[in-house]
Amino acid sequence: MFSKKLKNFKQIVDNTLEKPVLTSLIVLALLAVLVLSLSMKYYIADFYAYWGQILVEAHGMLFDIAVIGILIFSLNKSGEKRQRIRTYKDEIDDFRLWESEEAAFRTVGNIKRLNRHDIYELNLVNCYLAKTNLNYIKLTGSNINSANISNSFLIESNLENTRLNQTNLENTNLNQANLKGAYASGANFKDSYLIKADLENAFLIKANFKNAFLMEANLKNSYVTGADFENASLYKADLRGAKGLTLEQLSKAKTLYLAKFDNELLDQVKTNIPELVGK
């Protein structure tokens, strides 16, 4: 009989402890009874004097809440933010080299979450991001070498000063993307859309632009030695100051109509491949 009552009591205690709010209220009630019973003689002897002391303590409590409480709260929030950022980066590492649709979408989700925390410089080397939506994403200064971002969308994305060496961007939409100063040597831009993309000062050595759409793209002062422009549309593209650009490369393009070149190269184009600069 006693053991049954003890078991029931333990069950009640366990149920109560599983409810934090109820547990807190019970503890508060017990402490209130204890404190008030011990203080009763002081209330009776000199209520107003004792009440004044309580008010003094209340002011001190308010000060603690205002200063210490807010400080602790802000430190906790900062710590939680750092922990979340660390978790997002760890998840990107976990999915690295895993070529699957799930890995791609989970990695993109983490990139967007990090962007919301104003984190833009990421390590995405060898990440699989094919067939994903990265429109308007900001990855300035990131390392995306050897990643697979084929068949994706990066419209108006900010990839300034990113490392894209040997990165696969085949059939990707990079319209109006910012690739200023990007390091994209050996990158694959085959069949990609780079309409009005900004590639000024970018390193595009041996990059593959076969069948790419570079209409109104800015390639001023870029490094294009060995780049493949076979069947690429360079309508209104700005190639002034491009380093390593040759007539042989341009002769393979689909069109050079209204494209801008340095005067010396422009004369060669007009003389040798006039059909590409005509309508």
Protein backbone atom coordinates (compact mmCIF):
# COMPACT_ATOMS: atom_id res chain seq x y z
CA MET A 1 0.00 0.00 0.00
CA PHE A 2 2.77 2.37 1.01
CA SER A 3 4.83 1.50 -2.06
CA LYS A 4 1.84 2.23 -4.29
CA LYS A 5 1.35 5.66 -2.70
CA LEU A 6 5.07 6.37 -3.06
CA LYS A 7 4.92 5.38 -6.71
CA ASN A 8 1.93 7.67 -7.29
CA PHE A 9 3.73 10.51 -5.53
CA LYS A 10 6.80 10.04 -7.73
CA GLN A 11 4.57 10.03 -10.80
CA ILE A 12 2.97 13.33 -9.73
CA VAL A 13 6.43 14.85 -9.12
CA ASP A 14 7.69 13.66 -12.51
CA ASN A 15 4.61 15.05 -14.28
CA THR A 16 5.07 18.37 -12.53
CA LEU A 17 8.76 18.62 -13.39
CA GLU A 18 7.90 18.06 -17.05
CA LYS A 19 5.92 21.34 -16.92
CA PRO A 20 8.44 24.18 -16.32
CA VAL A 21 5.79 26.90 -15.85
CA LEU A 22 3.84 24.90 -13.25
CA THR A 23 7.07 23.96 -11.45
CA SER A 24 8.11 27.62 -11.33
CA LEU A 25 4.72 28.68 -9.93
CA ILE A 26 4.87 26.02 -7.21
CA VAL A 27 8.42 27.06 -6.21
CA LEU A 28 7.34 30.73 -6.19
CA ALA A 29 4.33 29.95 -3.99
CA LEU A 30 6.41 27.96 -1.48
CA LEU A 31 9.09 30.65 -1.29
CA ALA A 32 6.45 33.37 -0.91
CA VAL A 33 4.86 31.53 2.04
CA LEU A 34 8.27 31.02 3.66
CA VAL A 35 9.45 34.62 3.20
CA LEU A 36 6.13 36.19 4.25
CA SER A 37 5.85 34.01 7.35
CA LEU A 38 9.39 34.88 8.46
CA SER A 39 8.77 38.59 7.78
CA MET A 40 5.38 38.83 9.46
CA LYS A 41 6.70 40.14 12.81
CA TYR A 42 8.49 42.96 11.00
CA TYR A 43 5.31 43.91 9.17
CA ILE A 44 3.44 44.06 12.46
CA ALA A 45 6.16 45.92 14.39
CA ASP A 46 6.85 48.73 11.87
CA PHE A 47 5.08 48.17 8.54
CA TYR A 48 5.96 51.51 6.91
CA ALA A 49 9.68 51.35 7.72
CA TYR A 50 9.89 47.81 6.44
CA TRP A 51 7.87 48.68 3.33
CA GLY A 52 10.40 51.41 2.53
CA GLN A 53 13.21 48.86 2.58
CA ILE A 54 11.23 46.64 0.22
CA LEU A 55 10.87 49.56 -2.21
CA VAL A 56 14.62 50.19 -2.07
CA GLU A 57 15.24 46.54 -2.97
CA ALA A 58 12.68 46.84 -5.76
CA HIS A 59 14.62 49.74 -7.26
CA GLY A 60 17.79 47.67 -7.12
CA MET A 61 16.00 44.81 -8.85
CA LEU A 62 14.85 47.12 -11.64
CA PHE A 63 18.40 48.36 -12.10
CA ASP A 64 19.67 44.76 -12.32
CA ILE A 65 17.06 43.93 -14.95
CA ALA A 66 17.76 47.11 -16.94
CA VAL A 67 21.54 46.78 -16.99
CA ILE A 68 22.62 43.23 -16.27
CA GLY A 69 19.54 41.59 -17.81
CA ILE A 70 19.80 43.48 -21.09
CA LEU A 71 23.57 42.87 -21.24
CA ILE A 72 23.13 39.13 -20.72
CA PHE A 73 20.30 39.06 -23.26
CA SER A 74 22.41 40.80 -25.91
CA LEU A 75 25.38 38.50 -25.23
CA ASN A 76 23.12 35.45 -25.52
CA LYS A 77 21.68 36.73 -28.80
CA SER A 78 25.16 37.37 -30.16
CA GLY A 79 26.26 33.91 -29.10
CA GLU A 80 23.21 32.29 -30.70
CA LYS A 81 23.89 34.17 -33.95
CA ARG A 82 27.50 32.98 -34.04
CA GLN A 83 26.37 29.45 -33.34
CA ARG A 84 23.81 29.56 -36.17
CA ILE A 85 26.45 30.88 -38.58
CA ARG A 86 28.82 28.11 -37.54
CA THR A 87 26.06 25.53 -38.05
CA TYR A 88 25.25 26.81 -41.55
CA LYS A 89 28.94 26.69 -42.55
CA ASP A 90 29.33 23.20 -41.09
CA GLU A 91 26.34 21.99 -43.11
CA ILE A 92 27.93 23.38 -46.29
CA ASP A 93 31.06 21.37 -45.44
CA ASP A 94 28.94 18.27 -44.81
CA PHE A 95 27.39 18.44 -48.30
CA ARG A 96 30.62 19.30 -50.12
CA LEU A 97 31.45 16.83 -52.95
CA TRP A 98 28.00 15.22 -52.59
CA GLU A 99 26.47 15.42 -56.06
CA SER A 100 22.73 15.17 -55.44
CA GLU A 101 19.67 17.37 -55.71
CA GLU A 102 19.27 17.35 -51.93
CA ALA A 103 22.87 18.48 -51.39
CA ALA A 104 22.43 21.31 -53.89
CA PHE A 105 19.24 22.67 -52.35
CA ARG A 106 20.46 22.29 -48.77
CA THR A 107 23.67 24.17 -49.63
CA VAL A 108 21.76 26.96 -51.38
CA GLY A 109 19.49 27.28 -48.33
CA ASN A 110 22.51 27.70 -46.08
CA ILE A 111 24.04 30.28 -48.43
CA LYS A 112 20.85 32.36 -48.31
CA ARG A 113 20.67 32.10 -44.51
CA LEU A 114 24.28 33.27 -44.23
CA ASN A 115 23.47 36.18 -46.56
CA ARG A 116 20.68 37.21 -44.17
CA HIS A 117 23.36 37.37 -41.46
CA ASP A 118 25.51 39.57 -43.76
CA ILE A 119 28.01 36.75 -44.39
CA TYR A 120 29.10 36.86 -48.03
CA GLU A 121 32.63 35.43 -48.16
CA LEU A 122 32.16 31.66 -48.19
CA ASN A 123 34.14 28.54 -48.99
CA LEU A 124 32.17 26.72 -51.70
CA VAL A 125 35.04 24.82 -53.31
CA ASN A 126 33.80 21.64 -55.03
CA CYS A 127 30.20 22.29 -53.96
CA TYR A 128 27.39 20.88 -56.08
CA LEU A 129 24.90 23.67 -56.89
CA ALA A 130 23.49 22.52 -60.22
CA LYS A 131 19.89 23.41 -61.18
CA THR A 132 19.44 25.83 -58.28
CA ASN A 133 18.09 29.35 -57.86
CA LEU A 134 20.77 31.78 -56.69
CA ASN A 135 19.23 34.95 -58.10
CA TYR A 136 20.33 38.13 -56.31
CA ILE A 137 22.71 36.19 -54.08
CA LYS A 138 25.83 37.94 -52.76
CA LEU A 139 29.08 35.97 -52.64
CA THR A 140 31.70 38.70 -52.90
CA GLY A 141 35.21 37.40 -52.26
CA SER A 142 34.04 33.80 -51.97
CA ASN A 143 36.02 30.78 -53.12
CA ILE A 144 33.86 28.80 -55.58
CA ASN A 145 36.69 27.04 -57.42
CA SER A 146 35.74 23.79 -59.16
CA ALA A 147 32.10 24.02 -58.08
CA ASN A 148 29.28 22.78 -60.29
CA ILE A 149 26.71 25.56 -60.83
CA SER A 150 25.49 24.38 -64.23
CA ASN A 151 21.88 24.94 -65.36
CA SER A 152 21.32 27.40 -62.52
CA PHE A 153 20.03 30.95 -62.12
CA LEU A 154 22.30 33.73 -60.87
CA ILE A 155 20.45 36.75 -62.26
CA GLU A 156 21.81 40.01 -60.77
CA SER A 157 23.96 38.01 -58.38
CA ASN A 158 27.01 39.70 -56.88
CA LEU A 159 30.14 37.62 -57.52
CA GLU A 160 32.64 40.46 -57.38
CA ASN A 161 36.21 39.30 -56.70
CA THR A 162 35.08 35.69 -56.34
CA ARG A 163 37.29 32.76 -57.31
CA LEU A 164 35.61 30.73 -60.05
CA ASN A 165 38.62 28.91 -61.47
CA GLN A 166 37.58 25.68 -63.23
CA THR A 167 33.98 26.26 -62.10
CA ASN A 168 31.22 24.75 -64.24
CA LEU A 169 28.65 27.43 -65.15
CA GLU A 170 27.38 25.75 -68.29
CA ASN A 171 23.89 26.81 -69.40
CA THR A 172 23.59 29.12 -66.39
CA ASN A 173 21.70 32.42 -66.42
CA LEU A 174 24.06 35.18 -65.24
CA ASN A 175 22.21 38.11 -66.79
CA GLN A 176 23.26 41.41 -65.16
CA ALA A 177 25.50 39.54 -62.71
CA ASN A 178 28.42 41.40 -61.16
CA LEU A 179 31.64 39.50 -61.88
CA LYS A 180 34.02 42.44 -61.62
CA GLY A 181 37.52 41.31 -60.75
CA ALA A 182 36.46 37.65 -60.62
CA TYR A 183 39.09 34.94 -61.06
CA ALA A 184 37.49 32.58 -63.57
CA SER A 185 40.39 31.02 -65.41
CA GLY A 186 39.34 27.79 -67.08
CA ALA A 187 35.71 28.36 -66.09
CA ASN A 188 33.02 26.83 -68.28
CA PHE A 189 30.47 29.41 -69.47
CA LYS A 190 29.31 27.31 -72.43
CA ASP A 191 25.72 28.09 -73.49
CA SER A 192 25.41 30.55 -70.60
CA TYR A 193 23.51 33.83 -70.56
CA LEU A 194 25.70 36.80 -69.60
CA ILE A 195 23.56 39.59 -71.01
CA LYS A 196 24.64 42.92 -69.48
CA ALA A 197 26.93 41.04 -67.10
CA ASP A 198 29.82 43.04 -65.65
CA LEU A 199 33.13 41.21 -66.19
CA GLU A 200 35.40 44.24 -65.97
CA ASN A 201 38.95 43.38 -64.82
CA ALA A 202 37.97 39.70 -64.57
CA PHE A 203 40.53 36.94 -65.16
CA LEU A 204 39.00 34.80 -67.91
CA ILE A 205 42.10 33.03 -69.18
CA LYS A 206 41.15 29.91 -71.16
CA ALA A 207 37.50 30.34 -70.14
CA ASN A 208 34.94 28.61 -72.35
CA PHE A 209 32.32 31.01 -73.78
CA LYS A 210 31.21 28.71 -76.58
CA ASN A 211 27.62 29.55 -77.65
CA ALA A 212 27.38 32.05 -74.79
CA PHE A 213 25.19 35.15 -74.91
CA LEU A 214 27.39 38.14 -74.04
CA MET A 215 25.17 40.88 -75.43
CA GLU A 216 26.03 44.27 -73.88
CA ALA A 217 28.42 42.55 -71.47
CA ASN A 218 31.21 44.62 -69.98
CA LEU A 219 34.60 42.95 -70.54
CA LYS A 220 36.72 46.08 -70.23
CA ASN A 221 40.30 45.43 -69.11
CA SER A 222 39.56 41.74 -68.63
CA TYR A 223 42.16 39.01 -69.18
CA VAL A 224 40.95 36.73 -71.98
CA THR A 225 44.09 34.98 -73.22
CA GLY A 226 43.07 31.67 -74.74
CA ALA A 227 39.35 32.21 -74.05
CA ASP A 228 37.02 30.42 -76.45
CA PHE A 229 34.37 32.68 -78.05
CA GLU A 230 33.23 30.17 -80.66
CA ASN A 231 29.69 31.02 -81.78
CA ALA A 232 29.34 33.49 -78.90
CA SER A 233 27.12 36.53 -79.34
CA LEU A 234 29.12 39.67 -78.52
CA TYR A 235 26.53 42.17 -79.69
CA LYS A 236 27.32 45.57 -78.10
CA ALA A 237 29.87 43.93 -75.80
CA ASP A 238 32.59 46.23 -74.48
CA LEU A 239 36.01 44.64 -75.04
CA ARG A 240 38.15 47.76 -74.78
CA GLY A 241 41.38 47.14 -72.94
CA ALA A 242 40.91 43.35 -72.93
CA LYS A 243 44.28 41.66 -72.49
CA GLY A 244 45.25 38.75 -74.72
CA LEU A 245 42.32 39.22 -77.10
CA THR A 246 43.20 38.20 -80.66
CA LEU A 247 41.61 38.39 -84.07
CA GLU A 248 41.59 34.59 -84.22
CA GLN A 249 39.41 34.40 -81.10
CA LEU A 250 36.98 36.99 -82.42
CA SER A 251 36.73 35.37 -85.85
CA LYS A 252 34.95 32.39 -84.26
CA ALA A 253 32.25 34.54 -82.66
CA LYS A 254 28.65 34.53 -83.89
CA THR A 255 28.42 38.32 -84.07
CA LEU A 256 30.47 41.37 -83.13
CA TYR A 257 27.86 43.87 -84.22
CA LEU A 258 28.27 47.21 -82.35
CA ALA A 259 30.91 45.65 -80.10
CA LYS A 260 33.57 48.03 -78.76
CA PHE A 261 37.29 47.38 -79.25
CA ASP A 262 40.56 49.25 -78.96
CA ASN A 263 41.24 51.18 -82.18
CA GLU A 264 44.04 48.90 -83.41
CA LEU A 265 42.00 45.72 -82.95
CA LEU A 266 38.88 47.36 -84.38
CA ASP A 267 40.76 48.11 -87.62
CA GLN A 268 41.84 44.47 -87.86
CA VAL A 269 38.27 43.26 -87.27
CA LYS A 270 36.83 45.56 -89.91
CA THR A 271 39.49 44.52 -92.40
CA ASN A 272 39.55 40.75 -91.83
CA ILE A 273 36.09 39.80 -90.56
CA PRO A 274 33.76 42.60 -91.70
CA GLU A 275 30.80 40.20 -91.87
CA LEU A 276 30.79 39.89 -88.06
CA VAL A 277 30.59 43.63 -87.42
CA GLY A 278 27.85 44.17 -89.95
CA LYS A 279 24.15 43.77 -89.21
